[in-house]
């Protein structure tokens, strides 16, 4: 009876990790040979892990990754495509995000750009960093809507605060004047304080034409590229080789 009351008190205090571990411990007589200090250590670890998992779940939900289960550990290097494995392994630690560096992933459709971007995002979430994923078209739609309803300052603050902003499929459409200005503001706010990961089918030397006005294009690309890692992909479309199992 006393044991159940203790567990109820732990749950009331929102110490659910401790409560769950204590419940399991009581159900396994062999585990009850632990010393008091060993038990305290284990239930403390259980609570810490419970809270870390809950924070990770929140970060992943907030990130809204297109490929929610993508991981760098599952990247297929055996597929017949060109991918710089050493660079991927180098960036796997998320140190580049902690140092506010950027990453540009380019290559033809279907070679795994979006999957790889989401895998980097998932790893950043596991490393305790905030992530925001947007397809480029959706990002500009969101910014346009925010301008219309007066919420642009709060949207811009949210984008500026995220440690890793992923802009997927950039370059599919030529930017209009409002999009150019918004893109410049986003990059200006994030310069040297956050990391931006951009994927594109276009090689970087084709981005000026997509952005449009030369002066603004120079300003955007200067802020994005000067400290950016570049990860070009090449090879056949994974969609054609794996069908419904594609990582696009």
Protein backbone atom coordinates (compact mmCIF):
# COMPACT_ATOMS: atom_id res chain seq x y z
CA UNK A 1 0.00 0.00 0.00
CA UNK A 2 2.80 2.37 0.93
CA UNK A 3 4.59 1.47 -2.27
CA UNK A 4 1.56 2.38 -4.40
CA UNK A 5 1.17 5.69 -2.60
CA UNK A 6 4.83 6.46 -3.28
CA UNK A 7 4.36 5.75 -6.98
CA UNK A 8 1.19 7.88 -7.06
CA UNK A 9 3.10 10.77 -5.45
CA UNK A 10 5.88 10.45 -8.03
CA UNK A 11 3.32 10.57 -10.86
CA UNK A 12 1.57 13.55 -9.26
CA UNK A 13 4.92 15.36 -9.19
CA UNK A 14 5.31 14.42 -12.88
CA UNK A 15 8.27 12.16 -12.14
CA UNK A 16 6.92 9.53 -14.51
CA UNK A 17 10.28 8.02 -15.35
CA UNK A 18 10.97 7.37 -11.68
CA UNK A 19 7.48 6.01 -11.13
CA UNK A 20 7.71 3.59 -14.05
CA UNK A 21 11.15 2.32 -13.01
CA UNK A 22 10.06 1.84 -9.40
CA UNK A 23 7.00 -0.11 -10.56
CA UNK A 24 9.22 -2.42 -12.63
CA UNK A 25 11.70 -2.78 -9.78
CA UNK A 26 8.98 -3.87 -7.39
CA UNK A 27 7.75 -6.47 -9.91
CA UNK A 28 11.20 -8.12 -10.14
CA UNK A 29 12.35 -9.55 -6.81
CA UNK A 30 15.87 -10.20 -8.11
CA UNK A 31 16.34 -6.46 -8.66
CA UNK A 32 15.48 -5.69 -5.04
CA UNK A 33 18.96 -6.72 -3.89
CA UNK A 34 20.18 -3.28 -4.96
CA UNK A 35 21.55 -0.98 -2.29
CA UNK A 36 19.62 2.24 -1.56
CA UNK A 37 22.23 4.34 -3.41
CA UNK A 38 22.15 2.03 -6.42
CA UNK A 39 18.36 2.25 -6.55
CA UNK A 40 18.41 6.04 -6.25
CA UNK A 41 20.95 6.21 -9.07
CA UNK A 42 18.90 3.97 -11.34
CA UNK A 43 15.56 5.73 -10.78
CA UNK A 44 17.31 9.09 -11.32
CA UNK A 45 18.74 7.82 -14.62
CA UNK A 46 15.28 6.56 -15.60
CA UNK A 47 13.75 9.98 -14.99
CA UNK A 48 16.51 11.73 -16.90
CA UNK A 49 16.06 9.39 -19.88
CA UNK A 50 12.29 9.81 -19.78
CA UNK A 51 12.63 13.60 -19.96
CA UNK A 52 15.25 13.44 -22.71
CA UNK A 53 13.01 11.21 -24.80
CA UNK A 54 10.10 13.55 -24.27
CA UNK A 55 12.18 16.55 -25.35
CA UNK A 56 13.35 14.65 -28.44
CA UNK A 57 9.75 13.79 -29.35
CA UNK A 58 8.85 17.48 -29.06
CA UNK A 59 11.81 18.57 -31.20
CA UNK A 60 10.96 16.05 -33.92
CA UNK A 61 7.30 17.06 -33.91
CA UNK A 62 8.21 20.75 -34.15
CA UNK A 63 10.74 20.08 -36.96
CA UNK A 64 8.05 18.53 -39.21
CA UNK A 65 10.63 16.60 -41.21
CA UNK A 66 9.39 15.28 -44.55
CA UNK A 67 11.14 11.96 -43.89
CA UNK A 68 10.51 11.65 -40.16
CA UNK A 69 12.35 8.34 -39.78
CA UNK A 70 15.42 9.26 -41.86
CA UNK A 71 18.73 8.68 -40.08
CA UNK A 72 22.34 9.16 -41.12
CA UNK A 73 23.05 5.63 -39.91
CA UNK A 74 20.68 4.32 -42.60
CA UNK A 75 22.19 6.22 -45.54
CA UNK A 76 22.80 3.71 -48.34
CA UNK A 77 26.33 4.19 -49.65
CA UNK A 78 26.14 0.98 -51.71
CA UNK A 79 23.51 2.45 -54.05
CA UNK A 80 25.06 3.34 -57.44
CA UNK A 81 25.35 7.07 -56.86
CA UNK A 82 28.13 9.49 -56.05
CA UNK A 83 28.06 10.66 -52.43
CA UNK A 84 30.97 11.96 -50.36
CA UNK A 85 30.81 9.48 -47.49
CA UNK A 86 33.68 11.08 -45.63
CA UNK A 87 31.97 14.47 -45.60
CA UNK A 88 28.69 12.94 -44.39
CA UNK A 89 30.54 11.22 -41.55
CA UNK A 90 32.36 14.46 -40.73
CA UNK A 91 29.09 16.39 -40.48
CA UNK A 92 27.36 13.65 -38.49
CA UNK A 93 28.50 15.13 -35.16
CA UNK A 94 26.39 18.32 -35.65
CA UNK A 95 29.45 20.42 -34.73
CA UNK A 96 28.88 22.39 -37.95
CA UNK A 97 25.47 23.43 -36.60
CA UNK A 98 26.90 24.40 -33.23
CA UNK A 99 29.37 26.59 -35.15
CA UNK A 100 26.56 28.17 -37.25
CA UNK A 101 27.88 26.80 -40.54
CA UNK A 102 25.65 26.00 -43.50
CA UNK A 103 25.21 23.00 -45.78
CA UNK A 104 24.16 22.87 -49.44
CA UNK A 105 23.12 19.54 -50.99
CA UNK A 106 22.72 19.54 -54.77
CA UNK A 107 22.00 16.91 -57.39
CA UNK A 108 19.43 15.65 -59.87
CA UNK A 109 15.97 14.53 -58.82
CA UNK A 110 15.66 11.26 -56.96
CA UNK A 111 19.24 10.87 -55.68
CA UNK A 112 18.34 11.29 -52.00
CA UNK A 113 18.77 15.01 -51.26
CA UNK A 114 15.61 15.36 -49.17
CA UNK A 115 16.22 12.12 -47.30
CA UNK A 116 19.78 13.18 -46.46
CA UNK A 117 18.63 16.64 -45.37
CA UNK A 118 16.03 15.12 -43.06
CA UNK A 119 18.61 12.67 -41.72
CA UNK A 120 20.83 15.60 -40.74
CA UNK A 121 17.78 17.25 -39.18
CA UNK A 122 16.91 14.11 -37.23
CA UNK A 123 20.49 13.85 -35.94
CA UNK A 124 20.40 17.50 -34.87
CA UNK A 125 17.20 16.81 -32.91
CA UNK A 126 18.89 13.85 -31.21
CA UNK A 127 21.80 16.16 -30.34
CA UNK A 128 19.42 18.54 -28.56
CA UNK A 129 19.19 21.18 -31.30
CA UNK A 130 16.02 22.79 -32.64
CA UNK A 131 15.18 22.13 -36.29
CA UNK A 132 12.66 23.57 -38.74
CA UNK A 133 11.99 21.90 -42.11
CA UNK A 134 10.21 23.65 -44.98
CA UNK A 135 9.97 22.96 -48.68
CA UNK A 136 11.05 26.19 -50.39
CA UNK A 137 7.63 26.77 -51.95
CA UNK A 138 5.88 26.30 -48.59
CA UNK A 139 8.34 28.61 -46.85
CA UNK A 140 7.65 31.46 -49.25
CA UNK A 141 3.90 30.82 -49.02
CA UNK A 142 4.14 30.96 -45.23
CA UNK A 143 6.07 34.24 -45.35
CA UNK A 144 3.58 35.75 -47.83
CA UNK A 145 0.67 34.77 -45.58
CA UNK A 146 2.44 36.23 -42.57
CA UNK A 147 2.90 39.54 -44.39
CA UNK A 148 -0.80 39.57 -45.23
CA UNK A 149 -2.07 38.85 -41.72
CA UNK A 150 0.49 40.91 -39.81
CA UNK A 151 2.33 38.01 -38.16
CA UNK A 152 5.56 38.34 -40.17
CA UNK A 153 7.68 39.61 -37.23
CA UNK A 154 6.80 36.58 -35.08
CA UNK A 155 7.37 34.15 -37.98
CA UNK A 156 10.75 35.74 -38.70
CA UNK A 157 11.73 35.51 -35.02
CA UNK A 158 10.81 31.82 -34.97
CA UNK A 159 12.90 31.14 -38.09
CA UNK A 160 15.81 33.12 -36.66
CA UNK A 161 15.77 31.16 -33.37
CA UNK A 162 15.86 27.65 -34.83
CA UNK A 163 19.36 26.20 -34.79
CA UNK A 164 18.93 24.41 -38.12
CA UNK A 165 16.61 25.64 -40.88
CA UNK A 166 16.17 23.16 -43.73
CA UNK A 167 14.97 24.64 -47.05
CA UNK A 168 14.19 21.74 -49.35
CA UNK A 169 13.83 21.82 -53.16
CA UNK A 170 15.05 25.36 -53.63
CA UNK A 171 15.11 26.63 -57.21
CA UNK A 172 12.03 24.97 -58.68
CA UNK A 173 10.44 28.40 -59.21
CA UNK A 174 11.89 31.84 -59.94
CA UNK A 175 11.46 34.13 -56.94
CA UNK A 176 9.34 37.26 -57.18
CA UNK A 177 10.35 40.56 -55.58
CA UNK A 178 8.61 39.81 -52.27
CA UNK A 179 10.17 36.34 -52.03
CA UNK A 180 13.63 37.73 -52.76
CA UNK A 181 13.27 40.31 -50.00
CA UNK A 182 11.95 37.71 -47.54
CA UNK A 183 14.76 35.27 -48.36
CA UNK A 184 17.34 37.99 -47.78
CA UNK A 185 15.77 38.87 -44.43
CA UNK A 186 15.77 35.23 -43.35
CA UNK A 187 19.43 34.80 -44.26
CA UNK A 188 20.37 38.12 -42.67
CA UNK A 189 18.66 37.16 -39.39
CA UNK A 190 20.35 33.76 -39.35
CA UNK A 191 23.82 34.91 -40.40
CA UNK A 192 26.43 33.65 -37.91
CA UNK A 193 23.74 32.67 -35.35
CA UNK A 194 22.10 29.64 -36.97
CA UNK A 195 22.70 27.03 -39.65
CA UNK A 196 20.79 26.71 -42.90
CA UNK A 197 20.65 23.55 -45.01
CA UNK A 198 19.46 24.01 -48.60
CA UNK A 199 18.77 21.27 -51.15
CA UNK A 200 18.40 21.98 -54.85
CA UNK A 201 18.34 20.25 -58.20
CA UNK A 202 20.18 23.25 -59.62
CA UNK A 203 23.93 23.62 -59.34
CA UNK A 204 24.89 26.63 -57.26
CA UNK A 205 25.99 28.65 -60.29
CA UNK A 206 22.37 28.60 -61.46
CA UNK A 207 20.94 30.15 -58.30
CA UNK A 208 21.44 33.76 -59.37
CA UNK A 209 18.96 33.33 -62.19
CA UNK A 210 16.37 31.79 -59.83
CA UNK A 211 16.71 34.48 -57.20
CA UNK A 212 16.51 37.23 -59.79
CA UNK A 213 17.78 40.74 -59.02
CA UNK A 214 21.58 40.55 -59.06
CA UNK A 215 22.35 42.72 -56.03
CA UNK A 216 19.94 40.84 -53.76
CA UNK A 217 21.13 37.49 -55.13
CA UNK A 218 24.72 38.41 -54.30
CA UNK A 219 23.72 39.40 -50.76
CA UNK A 220 21.75 36.19 -50.16
CA UNK A 221 24.41 33.88 -51.54
CA UNK A 222 27.21 35.67 -49.72
CA UNK A 223 25.48 35.00 -46.39
CA UNK A 224 24.58 31.43 -47.32
CA UNK A 225 27.68 30.13 -49.09
CA UNK A 226 30.76 31.70 -47.58
CA UNK A 227 30.81 29.25 -44.63
CA UNK A 228 28.84 26.44 -46.28
CA UNK A 229 29.82 22.82 -46.71
CA UNK A 230 28.91 21.62 -50.21
CA UNK A 231 27.64 18.10 -50.73
CA UNK A 232 26.96 17.32 -54.40
CA UNK A 233 25.13 14.08 -55.20
CA UNK A 234 24.99 12.35 -58.55
CA UNK A 235 23.86 9.12 -60.11
CA UNK A 236 20.61 7.41 -61.16
CA UNK A 237 17.32 8.15 -59.43
CA UNK A 238 16.71 5.97 -56.40
CA UNK A 239 13.02 6.10 -57.27
CA UNK A 240 13.73 4.06 -60.38
CA UNK A 241 15.88 1.52 -58.57
CA UNK A 242 13.82 1.13 -55.41
CA UNK A 243 10.31 1.98 -56.55
CA UNK A 244 8.07 2.63 -53.57
CA UNK A 245 11.04 2.39 -51.19
CA UNK A 246 12.59 5.52 -52.65
CA UNK A 247 14.38 8.12 -50.59
CA UNK A 248 13.79 11.25 -52.68
